[in-house]
């Protein structure tokens, strides 16, 4: 089963911390967004393996954008 990690606000993708294929757990940081000069970590809500990212560093994203897809354990 897969789980999408969704952006909760409009922001810039400052840094991608994890990579496809990485095993993650709840509260692991996947990406860091930048909005209004604040860094906002986006954390996993589930454990599993990252299958893909829907964003790249430097992208400007909107609320509701799929940041990553996780194949849950």
Protein backbone atom coordinates (compact mmCIF):
# COMPACT_ATOMS: atom_id res chain seq x y z
CA UNK A 1 0.00 0.00 0.00
CA UNK A 2 1.29 3.47 -0.75
CA UNK A 3 0.94 6.72 1.16
CA UNK A 4 1.37 10.22 -0.30
CA UNK A 5 3.08 12.93 1.73
CA UNK A 6 1.22 16.17 0.93
CA UNK A 7 2.39 19.78 1.30
CA UNK A 8 0.42 21.65 3.92
CA UNK A 9 1.41 25.11 2.65
CA UNK A 10 2.78 26.95 -0.36
CA UNK A 11 6.57 27.10 -0.16
CA UNK A 12 9.91 26.58 -1.88
CA UNK A 13 11.58 23.19 -1.71
CA UNK A 14 14.85 24.15 -0.01
CA UNK A 15 16.44 20.74 0.49
CA UNK A 16 15.58 17.08 -0.11
CA UNK A 17 16.96 15.10 2.83
CA UNK A 18 15.92 11.53 1.96
CA UNK A 19 16.26 9.59 -1.32
CA UNK A 20 14.06 7.07 -3.16
CA UNK A 21 14.72 3.63 -1.73
CA UNK A 22 15.40 4.93 1.78
CA UNK A 23 13.63 3.16 4.64
CA UNK A 24 11.93 5.71 6.88
CA UNK A 25 9.96 5.78 10.08
CA UNK A 26 7.37 8.15 11.51
CA UNK A 27 8.81 11.60 12.19
CA UNK A 28 11.82 11.12 9.85
CA UNK A 29 12.47 14.31 7.87
CA UNK A 30 11.96 13.91 4.10
CA UNK A 31 12.38 17.48 2.81
CA UNK A 32 12.84 20.97 4.16
CA UNK A 33 10.59 23.69 2.81
CA UNK A 34 11.25 27.42 2.98
CA UNK A 35 8.44 29.92 3.40
CA UNK A 36 8.73 33.51 4.59
CA UNK A 37 12.41 32.90 5.51
CA UNK A 38 11.45 30.02 7.81
CA UNK A 39 12.67 26.45 7.34
CA UNK A 40 9.85 23.93 7.71
CA UNK A 41 10.70 20.21 7.91
CA UNK A 42 8.26 17.81 6.27
CA UNK A 43 8.24 14.56 8.21
CA UNK A 44 6.95 11.10 7.40
CA UNK A 45 3.66 10.11 8.98
CA UNK A 46 4.18 6.38 8.36
CA UNK A 47 7.05 3.93 8.16
CA UNK A 48 8.05 2.35 4.88
CA UNK A 49 10.23 2.88 1.82
CA UNK A 50 10.28 6.04 -0.27
CA UNK A 51 9.29 5.12 -3.81
CA UNK A 52 9.39 8.55 -5.44
CA UNK A 53 9.48 12.31 -4.96
CA UNK A 54 7.06 14.64 -6.73
CA UNK A 55 9.27 17.68 -6.14
CA UNK A 56 12.86 18.77 -6.72
CA UNK A 57 15.09 21.22 -4.86
CA UNK A 58 14.23 24.77 -5.91
CA UNK A 59 10.62 23.95 -6.89
CA UNK A 60 7.87 26.33 -5.83
CA UNK A 61 4.96 24.21 -4.60
CA UNK A 62 1.39 24.84 -3.53
CA UNK A 63 -0.66 23.46 -0.70
CA UNK A 64 -1.79 19.95 -1.68
CA UNK A 65 1.26 19.13 -3.83
CA UNK A 66 2.44 15.51 -3.49
CA UNK A 67 5.93 15.75 -2.03
CA UNK A 68 6.73 12.04 -1.84
CA UNK A 69 5.17 8.60 -2.08
CA UNK A 70 5.96 6.00 0.56
CA UNK A 71 5.37 2.25 0.18
CA UNK A 72 4.16 1.33 3.66
CA UNK A 73 5.42 -1.74 5.49
